């Protein structure tokens, strides 16, 4: 798993943050986001914009999505080479500045029920991979798509 490839201190911080909802120490950050933090129309100077990685199944994605989104359906998310390509694509976007990735699931990303077709363990691995690739401000929408007020 990608978690095993993280530096020891970072791996421990990821485990603590995931399990206990604790913020990670700088320079790495996995923020539990609220729905309004993903709304591009609410962007204000100094506030990080988010590029959403939508991990919901295809049918759910078709029912509702918004700008600044990269859909990565569960079937594709299970393939490490596809996840790597998405991170490379987002690296280019994020390196331009002022943008950071945010993961979006159907519901609570820490439960299998909230991550249909994917599973909470794979979401955790995706978080670990983003951190291992140096994404310093990764966000995860708390409560999944249902937390958005579109």
C-alpha atoms as a PDB file:
ATOM      1  CA  UNK A   1       0.000   0.000   0.000  1.00  0.00           C
ATOM      2  CA  UNK A   2       1.086   3.567  -0.598  1.00  0.00           C
ATOM      3  CA  UNK A   3       0.885   4.252   3.140  1.00  0.00           C
ATOM      4  CA  UNK A   4       3.935   2.041   3.697  1.00  0.00           C
ATOM      5  CA  UNK A   5       5.998   4.196   1.298  1.00  0.00           C
ATOM      6  CA  UNK A   6       5.471   7.429   3.253  1.00  0.00           C
ATOM      7  CA  UNK A   7       8.237   8.719   5.522  1.00  0.00           C
ATOM      8  CA  UNK A   8       7.732   7.336   9.031  1.00  0.00           C
ATOM      9  CA  UNK A   9       6.757  10.666  10.633  1.00  0.00           C
ATOM     10  CA  UNK A  10       4.350  11.482   7.816  1.00  0.00           C
ATOM     11  CA  UNK A  11       2.815   7.995   7.900  1.00  0.00           C
ATOM     12  CA  UNK A  12       2.153   8.371  11.617  1.00  0.00           C
ATOM     13  CA  UNK A  13       0.630  11.813  11.090  1.00  0.00           C
ATOM     14  CA  UNK A  14      -1.649  10.476   8.332  1.00  0.00           C
ATOM     15  CA  UNK A  15      -2.783   7.650  10.600  1.00  0.00           C
ATOM     16  CA  UNK A  16      -3.465  10.048  13.456  1.00  0.00           C
ATOM     17  CA  UNK A  17      -5.339  12.535  11.271  1.00  0.00           C
ATOM     18  CA  UNK A  18      -7.441   9.892   9.574  1.00  0.00           C
ATOM     19  CA  UNK A  19      -8.338   8.031  12.721  1.00  0.00           C
ATOM     20  CA  UNK A  20      -8.842  10.908  15.107  1.00  0.00           C
ATOM     21  CA  UNK A  21      -9.810  13.855  12.866  1.00  0.00           C
ATOM     22  CA  UNK A  22      -6.649  15.668  13.955  1.00  0.00           C
ATOM     23  CA  UNK A  23      -4.951  18.170  11.651  1.00  0.00           C
ATOM     24  CA  UNK A  24      -1.621  17.062  10.251  1.00  0.00           C
ATOM     25  CA  UNK A  25       1.503  19.027  11.151  1.00  0.00           C
ATOM     26  CA  UNK A  26       2.949  21.347   8.482  1.00  0.00           C
ATOM     27  CA  UNK A  27       3.986  21.183   5.717  1.00  0.00           C
ATOM     28  CA  UNK A  28       1.403  18.494   4.984  1.00  0.00           C
ATOM     29  CA  UNK A  29      -2.270  19.112   5.432  1.00  0.00           C
ATOM     30  CA  UNK A  30      -5.336  16.919   4.996  1.00  0.00           C
ATOM     31  CA  UNK A  31      -8.239  19.197   5.730  1.00  0.00           C
ATOM     32  CA  UNK A  32     -11.758  18.020   6.413  1.00  0.00           C
ATOM     33  CA  UNK A  33     -13.696  20.410   4.199  1.00  0.00           C
ATOM     34  CA  UNK A  34     -17.239  21.759   4.467  1.00  0.00           C
ATOM     35  CA  UNK A  35     -19.437  21.989   1.361  1.00  0.00           C
ATOM     36  CA  UNK A  36     -19.067  25.750   0.917  1.00  0.00           C
ATOM     37  CA  UNK A  37     -15.278  25.369   0.702  1.00  0.00           C
ATOM     38  CA  UNK A  38     -15.682  23.710  -2.709  1.00  0.00           C
ATOM     39  CA  UNK A  39     -17.983  26.342  -4.208  1.00  0.00           C
ATOM     40  CA  UNK A  40     -15.943  28.384  -6.748  1.00  0.00           C
ATOM     41  CA  UNK A  41     -18.466  31.245  -6.549  1.00  0.00           C
ATOM     42  CA  UNK A  42     -17.587  31.745  -2.873  1.00  0.00           C
ATOM     43  CA  UNK A  43     -13.857  32.105  -3.519  1.00  0.00           C
ATOM     44  CA  UNK A  44     -12.244  35.029  -1.732  1.00  0.00           C
ATOM     45  CA  UNK A  45      -8.649  36.331  -1.941  1.00  0.00           C
ATOM     46  CA  UNK A  46      -6.300  34.335   0.268  1.00  0.00           C
ATOM     47  CA  UNK A  47      -8.610  31.308   0.299  1.00  0.00           C
ATOM     48  CA  UNK A  48      -7.304  28.212  -1.447  1.00  0.00           C
ATOM     49  CA  UNK A  49      -9.388  27.126  -4.440  1.00  0.00           C
ATOM     50  CA  UNK A  50     -10.089  23.406  -4.701  1.00  0.00           C
ATOM     51  CA  UNK A  51      -9.941  21.153  -7.730  1.00  0.00           C
ATOM     52  CA  UNK A  52     -12.287  18.271  -6.939  1.00  0.00           C
ATOM     53  CA  UNK A  53     -11.400  14.637  -7.564  1.00  0.00           C
ATOM     54  CA  UNK A  54     -14.880  13.104  -7.744  1.00  0.00           C
ATOM     55  CA  UNK A  55     -14.660   9.463  -6.630  1.00  0.00           C
ATOM     56  CA  UNK A  56     -18.400   8.772  -6.925  1.00  0.00           C
ATOM     57  CA  UNK A  57     -19.888   6.157  -9.258  1.00  0.00           C
ATOM     58  CA  UNK A  58     -20.758   7.289 -12.794  1.00  0.00           C
ATOM     59  CA  UNK A  59     -24.528   7.453 -12.185  1.00  0.00           C
ATOM     60  CA  UNK A  60     -24.087   9.714  -9.148  1.00  0.00           C
ATOM     61  CA  UNK A  61     -21.640  11.955 -11.002  1.00  0.00           C
ATOM     62  CA  UNK A  62     -24.102  12.393 -13.887  1.00  0.00           C
ATOM     63  CA  UNK A  63     -26.844  13.467 -11.461  1.00  0.00           C
ATOM     64  CA  UNK A  64     -24.784  16.373 -10.165  1.00  0.00           C
ATOM     65  CA  UNK A  65     -21.310  17.849 -10.439  1.00  0.00           C
ATOM     66  CA  UNK A  66     -19.758  21.290 -10.825  1.00  0.00           C
ATOM     67  CA  UNK A  67     -16.805  23.133 -12.346  1.00  0.00           C
ATOM     68  CA  UNK A  68     -13.203  22.373 -11.394  1.00  0.00           C
ATOM     69  CA  UNK A  69     -13.854  18.631 -11.177  1.00  0.00           C
ATOM     70  CA  UNK A  70     -11.942  15.579 -12.375  1.00  0.00           C
ATOM     71  CA  UNK A  71     -14.175  12.507 -12.274  1.00  0.00           C
ATOM     72  CA  UNK A  72     -12.376   9.328 -11.254  1.00  0.00           C
ATOM     73  CA  UNK A  73     -15.048   6.613 -11.052  1.00  0.00           C
ATOM     74  CA  UNK A  74     -14.459   3.645  -8.727  1.00  0.00           C
ATOM     75  CA  UNK A  75     -13.610   1.194 -11.534  1.00  0.00           C
ATOM     76  CA  UNK A  76     -10.801   3.498 -12.731  1.00  0.00           C
ATOM     77  CA  UNK A  77      -9.739   4.484  -9.196  1.00  0.00           C
ATOM     78  CA  UNK A  78      -8.913   0.849  -8.475  1.00  0.00           C
ATOM     79  CA  UNK A  79      -6.133   0.968 -11.076  1.00  0.00           C
ATOM     80  CA  UNK A  80      -2.868   2.405  -9.670  1.00  0.00           C
ATOM     81  CA  UNK A  81      -1.678   3.623 -13.087  1.00  0.00           C
ATOM     82  CA  UNK A  82      -4.886   5.635 -13.573  1.00  0.00           C
ATOM     83  CA  UNK A  83      -4.560   7.200 -10.109  1.00  0.00           C
ATOM     84  CA  UNK A  84      -0.953   8.102 -10.933  1.00  0.00           C
ATOM     85  CA  UNK A  85      -2.026   9.756 -14.213  1.00  0.00           C
ATOM     86  CA  UNK A  86      -4.699  11.787 -12.389  1.00  0.00           C
ATOM     87  CA  UNK A  87      -2.152  12.978  -9.822  1.00  0.00           C
ATOM     88  CA  UNK A  88       0.207  14.004 -12.654  1.00  0.00           C
ATOM     89  CA  UNK A  89      -2.627  15.920 -14.332  1.00  0.00           C
ATOM     90  CA  UNK A  90      -3.517  17.652 -11.070  1.00  0.00           C
ATOM     91  CA  UNK A  91       0.140  18.402 -10.330  1.00  0.00           C
ATOM     92  CA  UNK A  92       0.217  20.610 -13.441  1.00  0.00           C
ATOM     93  CA  UNK A  93      -2.974  22.399 -12.363  1.00  0.00           C
ATOM     94  CA  UNK A  94      -1.906  22.817  -8.735  1.00  0.00           C
ATOM     95  CA  UNK A  95       1.624  23.940  -9.583  1.00  0.00           C
ATOM     96  CA  UNK A  96       0.159  27.004 -11.293  1.00  0.00           C
ATOM     97  CA  UNK A  97      -0.701  28.157  -7.768  1.00  0.00           C
ATOM     98  CA  UNK A  98      -3.706  28.875  -5.638  1.00  0.00           C
ATOM     99  CA  UNK A  99      -5.355  25.504  -6.273  1.00  0.00           C
ATOM    100  CA  UNK A 100      -5.271  22.300  -4.230  1.00  0.00           C
ATOM    101  CA  UNK A 101      -7.032  18.957  -4.729  1.00  0.00           C
ATOM    102  CA  UNK A 102     -10.059  17.862  -2.722  1.00  0.00           C
ATOM    103  CA  UNK A 103     -11.493  14.343  -2.664  1.00  0.00           C
ATOM    104  CA  UNK A 104     -15.257  13.920  -2.985  1.00  0.00           C
ATOM    105  CA  UNK A 105     -17.080  10.674  -2.207  1.00  0.00           C
ATOM    106  CA  UNK A 106     -20.777   9.797  -2.003  1.00  0.00           C
ATOM    107  CA  UNK A 107     -20.874  10.014   1.791  1.00  0.00           C
ATOM    108  CA  UNK A 108     -18.467   9.660   4.704  1.00  0.00           C
ATOM    109  CA  UNK A 109     -15.103   8.785   3.092  1.00  0.00           C
ATOM    110  CA  UNK A 110     -14.092   6.767   6.165  1.00  0.00           C
ATOM    111  CA  UNK A 111     -16.876   4.204   5.674  1.00  0.00           C
ATOM    112  CA  UNK A 112     -17.534   1.607   2.991  1.00  0.00           C
ATOM    113  CA  UNK A 113     -21.173   2.752   2.867  1.00  0.00           C
ATOM    114  CA  UNK A 114     -20.025   6.296   2.029  1.00  0.00           C
ATOM    115  CA  UNK A 115     -17.695   5.091  -0.729  1.00  0.00           C
ATOM    116  CA  UNK A 116     -19.762   2.727  -2.937  1.00  0.00           C
ATOM    117  CA  UNK A 117     -17.740   0.703  -5.406  1.00  0.00           C
ATOM    118  CA  UNK A 118     -14.527   1.978  -3.828  1.00  0.00           C
ATOM    119  CA  UNK A 119     -14.313   1.259  -0.110  1.00  0.00           C
ATOM    120  CA  UNK A 120     -12.875   3.330   2.713  1.00  0.00           C
ATOM    121  CA  UNK A 121      -9.508   1.541   2.578  1.00  0.00           C
ATOM    122  CA  UNK A 122      -8.921   2.540  -1.053  1.00  0.00           C
ATOM    123  CA  UNK A 123      -9.884   6.149  -0.265  1.00  0.00           C
ATOM    124  CA  UNK A 124      -7.274   6.048   2.490  1.00  0.00           C
ATOM    125  CA  UNK A 125      -4.702   4.741  -0.007  1.00  0.00           C
ATOM    126  CA  UNK A 126      -5.596   7.552  -2.433  1.00  0.00           C
ATOM    127  CA  UNK A 127      -5.037  10.091   0.362  1.00  0.00           C
ATOM    128  CA  UNK A 128      -1.663   8.479   1.132  1.00  0.00           C
ATOM    129  CA  UNK A 129      -0.652   8.562  -2.545  1.00  0.00           C
ATOM    130  CA  UNK A 130      -1.454  12.270  -2.873  1.00  0.00           C
ATOM    131  CA  UNK A 131       0.614  13.011   0.225  1.00  0.00           C
ATOM    132  CA  UNK A 132       3.494  10.798  -0.920  1.00  0.00           C
ATOM    133  CA  UNK A 133       3.493  12.724  -4.220  1.00  0.00           C
ATOM    134  CA  UNK A 134       3.948  15.991  -2.332  1.00  0.00           C
ATOM    135  CA  UNK A 135       0.460  17.512  -2.476  1.00  0.00           C
ATOM    136  CA  UNK A 136       0.735  19.666   0.626  1.00  0.00           C
ATOM    137  CA  UNK A 137      -2.882  20.866   0.940  1.00  0.00           C
ATOM    138  CA  UNK A 138      -5.102  17.911   0.188  1.00  0.00           C
ATOM    139  CA  UNK A 139      -8.727  18.241   1.276  1.00  0.00           C
ATOM    140  CA  UNK A 140     -11.442  15.653   1.845  1.00  0.00           C
ATOM    141  CA  UNK A 141     -15.074  16.746   1.844  1.00  0.00           C
ATOM    142  CA  UNK A 142     -16.571  15.823   5.196  1.00  0.00           C
ATOM    143  CA  UNK A 143     -19.874  14.044   4.603  1.00  0.00           C
ATOM    144  CA  UNK A 144     -19.310  13.510   0.897  1.00  0.00           C
ATOM    145  CA  UNK A 145     -21.526  14.862  -1.865  1.00  0.00           C
ATOM    146  CA  UNK A 146     -24.502  15.110   0.498  1.00  0.00           C
ATOM    147  CA  UNK A 147     -22.673  17.883   2.365  1.00  0.00           C
ATOM    148  CA  UNK A 148     -22.788  20.131  -0.703  1.00  0.00           C
ATOM    149  CA  UNK A 149     -25.609  22.561  -1.100  1.00  0.00           C
ATOM    150  CA  UNK A 150     -25.680  22.880  -4.877  1.00  0.00           C
END
